Amino acid sequence: MGGVILTPVARVLGGRPEMYEDNWYDTKAVIRLDDHLEASALQGLREFSHLEIVFQFDRIDEADVRIQPRPPRRNPDGPLVGVFAHRGPNRLGVSVCRLLAVEGRDLHVADLDALDGTPVLDIKPYLVEFAPTDPVRQPAWASRLMREYYKA
C-alpha cells in the first residue's frame, strides 16, 4: 500500500509556540496561504463565522505515536482507549475555529488548537448542515477531560 503525499495550503502564524492541553478559547492566530495559492482562494469565506481546519501534527516524533490503548491525554485515571477513541496527536488534526477576518492571503482566527508554524492541509467553511442531526453522545471521561479545553 502506497503512502499519501500532501502539500500544505497554508501555515499557522502566531498563537501558541508550544503545546499544552487546555484554555484554547480566544487563542488568536493567522492562517496564511502558501505562495502557490492566490488570495482569491479565500474569496467568499468572510461570510462564514467558523472554519474547519485540517492540519498536520508536524512536531510529533514517530516514536511517540502509539496505537496501543492508553489513557487519553496521559491521564492515569482515564480508561484505556485506542488511538481512534481519543483525539490524541497521531498524524492529522481537525479543529473548528472562529473566523475573525480575511485580509489578503491571511485568515485571522481564534480558538484554533494548532501551534505556530503548523502546516495546514485544508480549510473548509463550517456548515451547520454537517453537524450531527441526531443527539451526540460521548463517555463521561471525555467530558471531564475536555472541560477546560476551550474555557476562557
N, C-alpha and C. Protein backbone atom coordinates (compact mmCIF):
# COMPACT_ATOMS: atom_id res chain seq x y z
N MET A 1 0.85 -1.17 0.00
CA MET A 1 0.00 0.00 0.00
C MET A 1 0.90 1.23 0.00
N GLY A 2 0.66 2.16 -0.90
CA GLY A 2 1.49 3.35 -1.01
C GLY A 2 1.12 4.42 -0.01
N GLY A 3 2.07 5.32 0.20
CA GLY A 3 1.84 6.43 1.11
C GLY A 3 1.08 7.56 0.41
N VAL A 4 0.69 8.52 1.19
CA VAL A 4 -0.02 9.68 0.69
C VAL A 4 0.89 10.89 0.87
N ILE A 5 1.03 11.67 -0.17
CA ILE A 5 1.82 12.89 -0.08
C ILE A 5 0.88 14.07 -0.16
N LEU A 6 0.91 14.91 0.87
CA LEU A 6 0.04 16.08 0.93
C LEU A 6 0.91 17.34 0.93
N THR A 7 0.46 18.35 0.23
CA THR A 7 1.14 19.63 0.19
C THR A 7 0.33 20.63 1.00
N PRO A 8 0.95 21.27 1.98
CA PRO A 8 0.21 22.26 2.76
C PRO A 8 -0.33 23.37 1.88
N VAL A 9 -1.50 23.89 2.27
CA VAL A 9 -2.09 25.04 1.57
C VAL A 9 -1.81 26.33 2.33
N ALA A 10 -1.40 26.20 3.61
CA ALA A 10 -1.18 27.37 4.44
C ALA A 10 -0.34 26.97 5.65
N ARG A 11 0.00 27.97 6.45
CA ARG A 11 0.70 27.76 7.72
C ARG A 11 0.03 28.61 8.78
N VAL A 12 0.11 28.12 10.02
CA VAL A 12 -0.38 28.88 11.16
C VAL A 12 0.73 29.82 11.61
N LEU A 13 0.39 31.07 11.79
CA LEU A 13 1.33 32.07 12.30
C LEU A 13 0.78 32.60 13.62
N GLY A 14 1.60 32.59 14.63
CA GLY A 14 1.17 33.08 15.93
C GLY A 14 0.41 32.02 16.69
N GLY A 15 -0.33 32.46 17.68
CA GLY A 15 -0.98 31.50 18.55
C GLY A 15 0.04 30.99 19.56
N ARG A 16 -0.04 29.74 19.87
CA ARG A 16 0.87 29.15 20.86
C ARG A 16 2.13 28.60 20.20
N PRO A 17 3.29 28.84 20.83
CA PRO A 17 4.53 28.28 20.29
C PRO A 17 4.76 26.84 20.71
N GLU A 18 4.12 26.42 21.80
CA GLU A 18 4.29 25.05 22.28
C GLU A 18 2.97 24.51 22.80
N MET A 19 2.90 23.20 22.88
CA MET A 19 1.65 22.51 23.22
C MET A 19 1.44 22.45 24.72
N TYR A 20 0.27 22.86 25.15
CA TYR A 20 -0.28 22.49 26.44
C TYR A 20 -1.77 22.35 26.23
N GLU A 21 -2.38 21.51 27.02
CA GLU A 21 -3.69 20.95 26.68
C GLU A 21 -4.88 21.90 26.69
N ASP A 22 -5.00 22.78 27.65
CA ASP A 22 -6.28 23.45 27.88
C ASP A 22 -6.25 24.94 27.55
N ASN A 23 -7.42 25.57 27.71
CA ASN A 23 -7.61 27.01 27.59
C ASN A 23 -7.26 27.55 26.20
N TRP A 24 -7.78 26.92 25.17
CA TRP A 24 -7.56 27.37 23.80
C TRP A 24 -8.53 28.48 23.40
N TYR A 25 -9.58 28.70 24.17
CA TYR A 25 -10.55 29.71 23.80
C TYR A 25 -9.87 31.07 23.68
N ASP A 26 -10.15 31.76 22.61
CA ASP A 26 -9.65 33.11 22.31
C ASP A 26 -8.16 33.15 22.00
N THR A 27 -7.51 32.00 21.82
CA THR A 27 -6.14 32.00 21.31
C THR A 27 -6.21 32.45 19.87
N LYS A 28 -5.53 33.53 19.56
CA LYS A 28 -5.61 34.11 18.22
C LYS A 28 -4.40 33.74 17.39
N ALA A 29 -4.63 33.53 16.10
CA ALA A 29 -3.56 33.18 15.17
C ALA A 29 -3.97 33.63 13.77
N VAL A 30 -3.04 33.54 12.86
CA VAL A 30 -3.29 33.82 11.45
C VAL A 30 -2.99 32.55 10.67
N ILE A 31 -3.86 32.23 9.74
CA ILE A 31 -3.59 31.15 8.79
C ILE A 31 -3.24 31.84 7.48
N ARG A 32 -1.98 31.72 7.05
CA ARG A 32 -1.51 32.40 5.84
C ARG A 32 -1.35 31.39 4.71
N LEU A 33 -2.01 31.68 3.59
CA LEU A 33 -1.90 30.81 2.41
C LEU A 33 -0.45 30.71 1.96
N ASP A 34 -0.07 29.52 1.52
CA ASP A 34 1.26 29.33 0.94
C ASP A 34 1.35 30.05 -0.40
N ASP A 35 2.58 30.28 -0.84
CA ASP A 35 2.84 31.08 -2.04
C ASP A 35 2.21 30.52 -3.31
N HIS A 36 1.97 29.22 -3.37
CA HIS A 36 1.43 28.64 -4.60
C HIS A 36 -0.06 28.89 -4.77
N LEU A 37 -0.69 29.55 -3.78
CA LEU A 37 -2.12 29.85 -3.87
C LEU A 37 -2.36 31.35 -3.88
N GLU A 38 -3.32 31.77 -4.67
CA GLU A 38 -3.70 33.18 -4.75
C GLU A 38 -4.68 33.51 -3.62
N ALA A 39 -4.72 34.78 -3.25
CA ALA A 39 -5.67 35.24 -2.24
C ALA A 39 -7.11 34.95 -2.64
N SER A 40 -7.36 34.85 -3.95
CA SER A 40 -8.72 34.58 -4.43
C SER A 40 -9.25 33.23 -3.95
N ALA A 41 -8.36 32.34 -3.50
CA ALA A 41 -8.81 31.05 -2.95
C ALA A 41 -9.65 31.24 -1.69
N LEU A 42 -9.51 32.39 -1.05
CA LEU A 42 -10.27 32.68 0.18
C LEU A 42 -11.56 33.44 -0.08
N GLN A 43 -11.81 33.76 -1.33
CA GLN A 43 -12.99 34.55 -1.68
C GLN A 43 -14.26 33.85 -1.18
N GLY A 44 -15.11 34.61 -0.52
CA GLY A 44 -16.38 34.09 0.00
C GLY A 44 -16.31 33.60 1.43
N LEU A 45 -15.11 33.38 1.97
CA LEU A 45 -15.01 32.84 3.33
C LEU A 45 -15.47 33.84 4.39
N ARG A 46 -15.32 35.14 4.14
CA ARG A 46 -15.65 36.13 5.19
C ARG A 46 -17.13 36.09 5.57
N GLU A 47 -17.94 35.43 4.77
CA GLU A 47 -19.37 35.31 5.10
C GLU A 47 -19.64 34.23 6.15
N PHE A 48 -18.64 33.44 6.48
CA PHE A 48 -18.79 32.35 7.46
C PHE A 48 -18.24 32.78 8.82
N SER A 49 -18.84 32.27 9.87
CA SER A 49 -18.37 32.59 11.22
C SER A 49 -17.28 31.63 11.70
N HIS A 50 -17.28 30.40 11.17
CA HIS A 50 -16.35 29.38 11.63
C HIS A 50 -15.73 28.63 10.45
N LEU A 51 -14.54 28.12 10.70
CA LEU A 51 -13.83 27.31 9.71
C LEU A 51 -13.47 25.98 10.33
N GLU A 52 -13.36 24.98 9.48
CA GLU A 52 -12.85 23.68 9.88
C GLU A 52 -11.46 23.56 9.26
N ILE A 53 -10.45 23.36 10.10
CA ILE A 53 -9.07 23.36 9.65
C ILE A 53 -8.50 21.95 9.82
N VAL A 54 -7.91 21.42 8.76
CA VAL A 54 -7.21 20.14 8.81
C VAL A 54 -5.72 20.47 8.78
N PHE A 55 -4.99 19.95 9.75
CA PHE A 55 -3.57 20.28 9.84
C PHE A 55 -2.74 19.06 10.19
N GLN A 56 -1.45 19.19 10.01
CA GLN A 56 -0.52 18.10 10.30
C GLN A 56 0.14 18.34 11.65
N PHE A 57 0.16 17.30 12.48
CA PHE A 57 0.95 17.36 13.71
C PHE A 57 2.40 17.15 13.30
N ASP A 58 3.06 18.21 12.93
CA ASP A 58 4.40 18.11 12.34
C ASP A 58 5.51 18.00 13.37
N ARG A 59 5.20 18.17 14.63
CA ARG A 59 6.26 18.09 15.65
C ARG A 59 6.19 16.82 16.48
N ILE A 60 5.37 15.89 16.05
CA ILE A 60 5.25 14.62 16.77
C ILE A 60 6.36 13.69 16.30
N ASP A 61 7.13 13.21 17.24
CA ASP A 61 8.16 12.23 16.94
C ASP A 61 7.47 10.90 16.62
N GLU A 62 7.89 10.26 15.55
CA GLU A 62 7.30 8.97 15.16
C GLU A 62 7.28 7.98 16.33
N ALA A 63 8.30 8.04 17.18
CA ALA A 63 8.38 7.12 18.32
C ALA A 63 7.28 7.38 19.34
N ASP A 64 6.73 8.60 19.34
CA ASP A 64 5.68 8.96 20.30
C ASP A 64 4.28 8.60 19.82
N VAL A 65 4.15 8.22 18.57
CA VAL A 65 2.84 7.83 18.05
C VAL A 65 2.58 6.39 18.47
N ARG A 66 1.59 6.25 19.37
CA ARG A 66 1.28 4.92 19.90
C ARG A 66 -0.13 4.55 19.50
N ILE A 67 -0.27 3.37 18.92
CA ILE A 67 -1.61 2.94 18.54
C ILE A 67 -2.21 1.96 19.55
N GLN A 68 -1.41 1.53 20.52
CA GLN A 68 -1.93 0.64 21.55
C GLN A 68 -2.84 1.45 22.48
N PRO A 69 -3.83 0.81 23.07
CA PRO A 69 -4.70 1.52 24.02
C PRO A 69 -3.89 2.16 25.14
N ARG A 70 -4.32 3.37 25.48
CA ARG A 70 -3.69 4.13 26.56
C ARG A 70 -4.71 5.10 27.12
N PRO A 71 -4.47 5.64 28.31
CA PRO A 71 -5.39 6.64 28.85
C PRO A 71 -5.33 7.92 28.00
N PRO A 72 -6.46 8.53 27.68
CA PRO A 72 -6.44 9.75 26.91
C PRO A 72 -5.75 10.89 27.66
N ARG A 73 -5.02 11.69 26.93
CA ARG A 73 -4.29 12.84 27.47
C ARG A 73 -3.38 12.44 28.64
N ARG A 74 -2.89 11.23 28.58
CA ARG A 74 -1.96 10.70 29.58
C ARG A 74 -2.50 10.81 31.01
N ASN A 75 -3.81 10.77 31.14
CA ASN A 75 -4.45 10.84 32.43
C ASN A 75 -4.46 9.44 33.04
N PRO A 76 -3.71 9.20 34.10
CA PRO A 76 -3.63 7.84 34.66
C PRO A 76 -4.97 7.33 35.19
N ASP A 77 -5.91 8.24 35.47
CA ASP A 77 -7.23 7.82 35.95
C ASP A 77 -8.20 7.51 34.81
N GLY A 78 -7.79 7.79 33.58
CA GLY A 78 -8.67 7.56 32.44
C GLY A 78 -8.67 6.10 32.00
N PRO A 79 -9.68 5.73 31.26
CA PRO A 79 -9.75 4.35 30.76
C PRO A 79 -8.74 4.14 29.63
N LEU A 80 -8.37 2.90 29.41
CA LEU A 80 -7.52 2.59 28.26
C LEU A 80 -8.39 2.61 27.01
N VAL A 81 -8.03 3.46 26.06
CA VAL A 81 -8.78 3.54 24.81
C VAL A 81 -7.80 3.56 23.64
N GLY A 82 -8.26 3.07 22.51
CA GLY A 82 -7.43 3.03 21.31
C GLY A 82 -7.24 4.43 20.73
N VAL A 83 -6.29 4.55 19.84
CA VAL A 83 -5.91 5.84 19.26
C VAL A 83 -7.09 6.55 18.58
N PHE A 84 -8.05 5.81 18.07
CA PHE A 84 -9.18 6.43 17.39
C PHE A 84 -10.32 6.78 18.34
N ALA A 85 -10.21 6.42 19.63
CA ALA A 85 -11.24 6.75 20.61
C ALA A 85 -10.93 8.04 21.36
N HIS A 86 -9.79 8.62 21.07
CA HIS A 86 -9.49 9.95 21.61
C HIS A 86 -8.82 10.76 20.51
N ARG A 87 -8.69 12.02 20.70
CA ARG A 87 -8.20 12.88 19.64
C ARG A 87 -6.72 13.18 19.81
N GLY A 88 -6.02 12.24 20.39
CA GLY A 88 -4.59 12.42 20.61
C GLY A 88 -3.84 12.59 19.30
N PRO A 89 -2.73 13.31 19.36
CA PRO A 89 -1.99 13.57 18.13
C PRO A 89 -1.37 12.29 17.56
N ASN A 90 -1.78 11.95 16.37
CA ASN A 90 -1.11 10.87 15.65
C ASN A 90 -0.52 11.45 14.37
N ARG A 91 -1.29 11.82 13.41
CA ARG A 91 -0.76 12.41 12.19
C ARG A 91 -1.50 13.70 11.80
N LEU A 92 -2.83 13.65 11.88
CA LEU A 92 -3.63 14.78 11.44
C LEU A 92 -4.48 15.33 12.58
N GLY A 93 -4.68 16.63 12.54
CA GLY A 93 -5.58 17.28 13.48
C GLY A 93 -6.71 17.95 12.72
N VAL A 94 -7.85 18.04 13.34
CA VAL A 94 -9.01 18.73 12.77
C VAL A 94 -9.54 19.63 13.87
N SER A 95 -9.76 20.90 13.53
CA SER A 95 -10.20 21.86 14.53
C SER A 95 -11.22 22.81 13.92
N VAL A 96 -12.24 23.13 14.68
CA VAL A 96 -13.19 24.17 14.28
C VAL A 96 -12.79 25.43 15.02
N CYS A 97 -12.62 26.53 14.28
CA CYS A 97 -12.21 27.79 14.90
C CYS A 97 -13.10 28.92 14.40
N ARG A 98 -13.07 30.03 15.14
CA ARG A 98 -13.82 31.21 14.73
C ARG A 98 -13.02 31.99 13.70
N LEU A 99 -13.69 32.45 12.67
CA LEU A 99 -13.07 33.32 11.67
C LEU A 99 -13.33 34.76 12.08
N LEU A 100 -12.25 35.50 12.33
CA LEU A 100 -12.37 36.89 12.77
C LEU A 100 -12.30 37.87 11.60
N ALA A 101 -11.42 37.57 10.63
CA ALA A 101 -11.25 38.49 9.49
C ALA A 101 -10.51 37.77 8.37
N VAL A 102 -10.73 38.27 7.17
CA VAL A 102 -9.98 37.82 5.99
C VAL A 102 -9.28 39.05 5.45
N GLU A 103 -7.95 38.98 5.36
CA GLU A 103 -7.15 40.10 4.84
C GLU A 103 -6.15 39.55 3.84
N GLY A 104 -6.40 39.78 2.57
CA GLY A 104 -5.49 39.29 1.54
C GLY A 104 -5.37 37.78 1.60
N ARG A 105 -4.16 37.30 1.88
CA ARG A 105 -3.88 35.86 1.96
C ARG A 105 -3.96 35.32 3.39
N ASP A 106 -4.46 36.16 4.32
CA ASP A 106 -4.48 35.80 5.74
C ASP A 106 -5.90 35.60 6.25
N LEU A 107 -6.07 34.55 7.03
CA LEU A 107 -7.29 34.32 7.78
C LEU A 107 -6.96 34.56 9.25
N HIS A 108 -7.61 35.53 9.87
CA HIS A 108 -7.42 35.78 11.29
C HIS A 108 -8.46 34.94 12.02
N VAL A 109 -7.97 34.08 12.93
CA VAL A 109 -8.85 33.11 13.60
C VAL A 109 -8.63 33.14 15.11
N ALA A 110 -9.59 32.57 15.82
CA ALA A 110 -9.48 32.36 17.27
C ALA A 110 -9.94 30.94 17.56
N ASP A 111 -9.40 30.38 18.63
CA ASP A 111 -9.76 29.04 19.13
C ASP A 111 -9.17 27.91 18.30
N LEU A 112 -8.19 28.19 17.47
CA LEU A 112 -7.54 27.13 16.69
C LEU A 112 -6.49 26.45 17.56
N ASP A 113 -6.64 25.16 17.77
CA ASP A 113 -5.70 24.44 18.64
C ASP A 113 -4.56 23.81 17.83
N ALA A 114 -3.89 24.66 17.07
CA ALA A 114 -2.69 24.27 16.32
C ALA A 114 -1.60 25.27 16.67
N LEU A 115 -0.37 24.81 16.64
CA LEU A 115 0.76 25.62 17.07
C LEU A 115 1.30 26.53 15.96
N ASP A 116 2.01 27.56 16.37
CA ASP A 116 2.69 28.47 15.45
C ASP A 116 3.57 27.66 14.49
N GLY A 117 3.41 27.88 13.20
CA GLY A 117 4.20 27.17 12.19
C GLY A 117 3.58 25.89 11.67
N THR A 118 2.46 25.47 12.23
CA THR A 118 1.82 24.22 11.83
C THR A 118 1.39 24.27 10.36
N PRO A 119 1.69 23.22 9.58
CA PRO A 119 1.21 23.15 8.20
C PRO A 119 -0.30 22.87 8.16
N VAL A 120 -1.01 23.67 7.38
CA VAL A 120 -2.46 23.50 7.21
C VAL A 120 -2.68 22.77 5.89
N LEU A 121 -3.43 21.67 5.94
CA LEU A 121 -3.65 20.84 4.76
C LEU A 121 -4.94 21.16 4.04
N ASP A 122 -5.93 21.69 4.78
CA ASP A 122 -7.19 22.07 4.14
C ASP A 122 -7.91 23.07 5.02
N ILE A 123 -8.70 23.90 4.36
CA ILE A 123 -9.53 24.92 5.01
C ILE A 123 -10.93 24.74 4.47
N LYS A 124 -11.89 24.56 5.36
CA LYS A 124 -13.27 24.38 4.93
C LYS A 124 -14.17 25.30 5.74
N PRO A 125 -15.19 25.88 5.13
CA PRO A 125 -16.16 26.62 5.93
C PRO A 125 -16.96 25.64 6.77
N TYR A 126 -17.25 26.03 8.01
CA TYR A 126 -18.09 25.18 8.85
C TYR A 126 -19.55 25.41 8.45
N LEU A 127 -20.23 24.35 8.12
CA LEU A 127 -21.63 24.40 7.72
C LEU A 127 -22.48 23.68 8.76
N VAL A 128 -23.51 24.34 9.23
CA VAL A 128 -24.40 23.76 10.23
C VAL A 128 -24.95 22.42 9.73
N GLU A 129 -25.19 22.32 8.45
CA GLU A 129 -25.78 21.09 7.90
C GLU A 129 -24.86 19.88 8.04
N PHE A 130 -23.57 20.10 8.29
CA PHE A 130 -22.67 18.98 8.52
C PHE A 130 -22.61 18.56 9.98
N ALA A 131 -23.22 19.33 10.86
CA ALA A 131 -23.28 18.94 12.27
C ALA A 131 -24.22 17.75 12.40
N PRO A 132 -24.03 16.92 13.39
CA PRO A 132 -24.91 15.76 13.55
C PRO A 132 -26.36 16.19 13.73
N THR A 133 -27.26 15.43 13.12
CA THR A 133 -28.68 15.71 13.29
C THR A 133 -29.28 14.91 14.44
N ASP A 134 -28.66 13.81 14.78
CA ASP A 134 -29.10 13.02 15.92
C ASP A 134 -28.36 13.50 17.16
N PRO A 135 -28.87 13.21 18.35
CA PRO A 135 -28.17 13.61 19.57
C PRO A 135 -26.76 13.03 19.61
N VAL A 136 -25.83 13.83 20.09
CA VAL A 136 -24.43 13.41 20.22
C VAL A 136 -24.24 12.78 21.58
N ARG A 137 -23.53 11.67 21.63
CA ARG A 137 -23.22 11.06 22.92
C ARG A 137 -21.72 10.85 23.01
N GLN A 138 -21.22 10.94 24.21
CA GLN A 138 -19.81 10.67 24.47
C GLN A 138 -19.68 10.21 25.91
N PRO A 139 -18.63 9.47 26.22
CA PRO A 139 -18.47 8.97 27.58
C PRO A 139 -18.15 10.12 28.55
N ALA A 140 -18.48 9.89 29.81
CA ALA A 140 -18.27 10.91 30.84
C ALA A 140 -16.80 11.29 30.97
N TRP A 141 -15.88 10.32 30.78
CA TRP A 141 -14.46 10.64 30.90
C TRP A 141 -14.04 11.69 29.87
N ALA A 142 -14.63 11.65 28.68
CA ALA A 142 -14.29 12.62 27.64
C ALA A 142 -14.75 14.01 28.05
N SER A 143 -15.95 14.11 28.58
CA SER A 143 -16.45 15.41 29.04
C SER A 143 -15.59 15.97 30.16
N ARG A 144 -15.17 15.12 31.09
CA ARG A 144 -14.31 15.57 32.19
C ARG A 144 -12.98 16.09 31.67
N LEU A 145 -12.36 15.35 30.75
CA LEU A 145 -11.05 15.76 30.23
C LEU A 145 -11.12 17.04 29.40
N MET A 146 -12.23 17.26 28.73
CA MET A 146 -12.34 18.41 27.83
C MET A 146 -12.95 19.63 28.49
N ARG A 147 -13.31 19.54 29.75
CA ARG A 147 -13.99 20.63 30.45
C ARG A 147 -13.24 21.96 30.33
N GLU A 148 -11.93 21.94 30.36
CA GLU A 148 -11.13 23.18 30.35
C GLU A 148 -10.55 23.51 28.97
N TYR A 149 -10.81 22.68 27.98
CA TYR A 149 -10.11 22.81 26.69
C TYR A 149 -10.38 24.16 26.03
N TYR A 150 -11.63 24.57 25.96
CA TYR A 150 -11.96 25.85 25.35
C TYR A 150 -12.45 26.85 26.39
N LYS A 151 -12.11 26.65 27.62
CA LYS A 151 -12.52 27.56 28.68
C LYS A 151 -11.74 28.88 28.54
N ALA A 152 -12.44 29.96 28.78
CA ALA A 152 -11.82 31.29 28.69
C ALA A 152 -10.88 31.54 29.84
